[in-house]
Structure formats: structure tokens, C-alpha cells
């Protein structure tokens, strides 16, 4: 917005725990133009969809977004199955 460059981001979420992860809540810390495979929880807080479980030692990279300008996402919470 306001002349900011539009950038595309792919979220790469690694599970280093011994448990399967069913949901990850993420703050994108940006103004969002579009998103995929992310459910909006509240303003700037999103979660991975229920079908995107992450097995131990696995990586999920099916979610992403397009933001106005720079974005450094942070994990808010992780929910095991």
C-alpha cells in the first residue's frame, strides 16, 4: 500500500518435535494483499488449515501470502494433534 513493493512469501514450517503438529498460528506482521492455505483468526493472526498436519521431522511449505512491503512472520503458537 502507499507505493510499497508487493512481495510474495512462502511459509516453510519445520517440525522438530516428536509429535505431529495439527495447527500453527502465525503473525505475518505485514499488510496482506492475498494469502493461500492460511485461515484468518484475527487481525494479522493466521493459522494453517486443519488438513495441513506436519509429521515429526517433516516440513510443510504449502502456505504463503503476498504482502505490501517487507514481512517477517513470527510463530504465535503451535498445537499438537
C-alpha atoms as a PDB file:
ATOM      1  CA  UNK A   1       0.000   0.000   0.000  1.00  0.00           C
ATOM      2  CA  UNK A   2       1.059   3.599  -0.445  1.00  0.00           C
ATOM      3  CA  UNK A   3       3.624   2.659  -3.066  1.00  0.00           C
ATOM      4  CA  UNK A   4       5.178  -0.220  -1.125  1.00  0.00           C
ATOM      5  CA  UNK A   5       6.601  -3.040  -3.189  1.00  0.00           C
ATOM      6  CA  UNK A   6       4.439  -6.158  -3.350  1.00  0.00           C
ATOM      7  CA  UNK A   7       6.295  -9.330  -2.349  1.00  0.00           C
ATOM      8  CA  UNK A   8       5.353 -12.998  -2.292  1.00  0.00           C
ATOM      9  CA  UNK A   9       6.298 -15.195   0.674  1.00  0.00           C
ATOM     10  CA  UNK A  10       6.138 -18.975   1.114  1.00  0.00           C
ATOM     11  CA  UNK A  11       5.952 -20.211   4.688  1.00  0.00           C
ATOM     12  CA  UNK A  12       8.286 -23.141   5.307  1.00  0.00           C
ATOM     13  CA  UNK A  13       7.334 -24.712   8.646  1.00  0.00           C
ATOM     14  CA  UNK A  14       9.616 -27.393  10.110  1.00  0.00           C
ATOM     15  CA  UNK A  15       8.528 -29.750  12.879  1.00  0.00           C
ATOM     16  CA  UNK A  16      11.470 -30.721  15.073  1.00  0.00           C
ATOM     17  CA  UNK A  17       9.285 -32.186  17.808  1.00  0.00           C
ATOM     18  CA  UNK A  18       8.390 -35.870  18.356  1.00  0.00           C
ATOM     19  CA  UNK A  19       4.654 -35.059  17.989  1.00  0.00           C
ATOM     20  CA  UNK A  20       2.561 -34.367  14.908  1.00  0.00           C
ATOM     21  CA  UNK A  21       1.595 -30.697  14.600  1.00  0.00           C
ATOM     22  CA  UNK A  22      -2.037 -30.008  13.646  1.00  0.00           C
ATOM     23  CA  UNK A  23      -2.040 -26.217  13.639  1.00  0.00           C
ATOM     24  CA  UNK A  24       0.433 -23.346  13.684  1.00  0.00           C
ATOM     25  CA  UNK A  25      -0.713 -19.805  14.490  1.00  0.00           C
ATOM     26  CA  UNK A  26       1.388 -17.180  12.753  1.00  0.00           C
ATOM     27  CA  UNK A  27       1.574 -13.392  12.848  1.00  0.00           C
ATOM     28  CA  UNK A  28       2.533 -12.175   9.378  1.00  0.00           C
ATOM     29  CA  UNK A  29       3.495  -8.662  10.563  1.00  0.00           C
ATOM     30  CA  UNK A  30       2.515  -7.068   7.262  1.00  0.00           C
ATOM     31  CA  UNK A  31      -0.344  -5.625   5.279  1.00  0.00           C
ATOM     32  CA  UNK A  32      -1.663  -8.612   3.285  1.00  0.00           C
ATOM     33  CA  UNK A  33      -2.823  -8.415  -0.317  1.00  0.00           C
ATOM     34  CA  UNK A  34      -3.570 -12.143  -0.729  1.00  0.00           C
ATOM     35  CA  UNK A  35      -2.945 -15.484   1.020  1.00  0.00           C
ATOM     36  CA  UNK A  36      -3.266 -19.204   0.378  1.00  0.00           C
ATOM     37  CA  UNK A  37      -3.654 -22.145   2.719  1.00  0.00           C
ATOM     38  CA  UNK A  38      -3.956 -19.820   5.711  1.00  0.00           C
ATOM     39  CA  UNK A  39      -7.118 -19.245   7.747  1.00  0.00           C
ATOM     40  CA  UNK A  40      -7.566 -15.804   9.304  1.00  0.00           C
ATOM     41  CA  UNK A  41      -8.006 -15.974  13.097  1.00  0.00           C
ATOM     42  CA  UNK A  42      -7.997 -12.233  13.785  1.00  0.00           C
ATOM     43  CA  UNK A  43      -6.245  -9.108  12.578  1.00  0.00           C
ATOM     44  CA  UNK A  44      -2.719 -10.168  11.478  1.00  0.00           C
ATOM     45  CA  UNK A  45      -3.100 -13.639  13.074  1.00  0.00           C
ATOM     46  CA  UNK A  46      -3.466 -16.645  10.780  1.00  0.00           C
ATOM     47  CA  UNK A  47      -3.348 -20.423  11.184  1.00  0.00           C
ATOM     48  CA  UNK A  48      -2.519 -23.327   8.962  1.00  0.00           C
ATOM     49  CA  UNK A  49      -5.609 -25.231   7.757  1.00  0.00           C
ATOM     50  CA  UNK A  50      -6.722 -28.438   9.505  1.00  0.00           C
ATOM     51  CA  UNK A  51      -5.601 -30.646   6.596  1.00  0.00           C
ATOM     52  CA  UNK A  52      -2.003 -29.383   6.822  1.00  0.00           C
ATOM     53  CA  UNK A  53      -0.646 -31.635   9.568  1.00  0.00           C
ATOM     54  CA  UNK A  54       3.129 -31.771   9.954  1.00  0.00           C
ATOM     55  CA  UNK A  55       4.673 -35.080  10.995  1.00  0.00           C
ATOM     56  CA  UNK A  56       7.764 -35.213  13.232  1.00  0.00           C
ATOM     57  CA  UNK A  57      10.913 -34.165  11.305  1.00  0.00           C
ATOM     58  CA  UNK A  58       8.765 -33.069   8.337  1.00  0.00           C
ATOM     59  CA  UNK A  59       8.377 -29.717   6.603  1.00  0.00           C
ATOM     60  CA  UNK A  60       5.228 -28.034   5.263  1.00  0.00           C
ATOM     61  CA  UNK A  61       5.534 -25.357   2.589  1.00  0.00           C
ATOM     62  CA  UNK A  62       2.017 -25.208   1.126  1.00  0.00           C
ATOM     63  CA  UNK A  63       1.045 -21.899   2.761  1.00  0.00           C
ATOM     64  CA  UNK A  64       2.020 -18.417   1.694  1.00  0.00           C
ATOM     65  CA  UNK A  65       0.948 -14.856   1.155  1.00  0.00           C
ATOM     66  CA  UNK A  66       1.512 -11.673  -0.781  1.00  0.00           C
ATOM     67  CA  UNK A  67       2.334  -8.621   1.323  1.00  0.00           C
ATOM     68  CA  UNK A  68       2.833  -4.938   0.740  1.00  0.00           C
ATOM     69  CA  UNK A  69       6.480  -4.384   1.608  1.00  0.00           C
ATOM     70  CA  UNK A  70       8.667  -6.373   3.971  1.00  0.00           C
ATOM     71  CA  UNK A  71       7.306  -9.080   6.244  1.00  0.00           C
ATOM     72  CA  UNK A  72       8.990 -11.106   8.977  1.00  0.00           C
ATOM     73  CA  UNK A  73       6.412 -13.654  10.180  1.00  0.00           C
ATOM     74  CA  UNK A  74       6.531 -14.945  13.737  1.00  0.00           C
ATOM     75  CA  UNK A  75       5.012 -18.111  15.200  1.00  0.00           C
ATOM     76  CA  UNK A  76       2.433 -17.263  17.837  1.00  0.00           C
ATOM     77  CA  UNK A  77       1.583 -20.821  18.943  1.00  0.00           C
ATOM     78  CA  UNK A  78       1.901 -24.469  17.885  1.00  0.00           C
ATOM     79  CA  UNK A  79      -0.835 -27.059  18.526  1.00  0.00           C
ATOM     80  CA  UNK A  80      -0.039 -30.778  18.503  1.00  0.00           C
ATOM     81  CA  UNK A  81      -2.616 -33.348  17.427  1.00  0.00           C
END
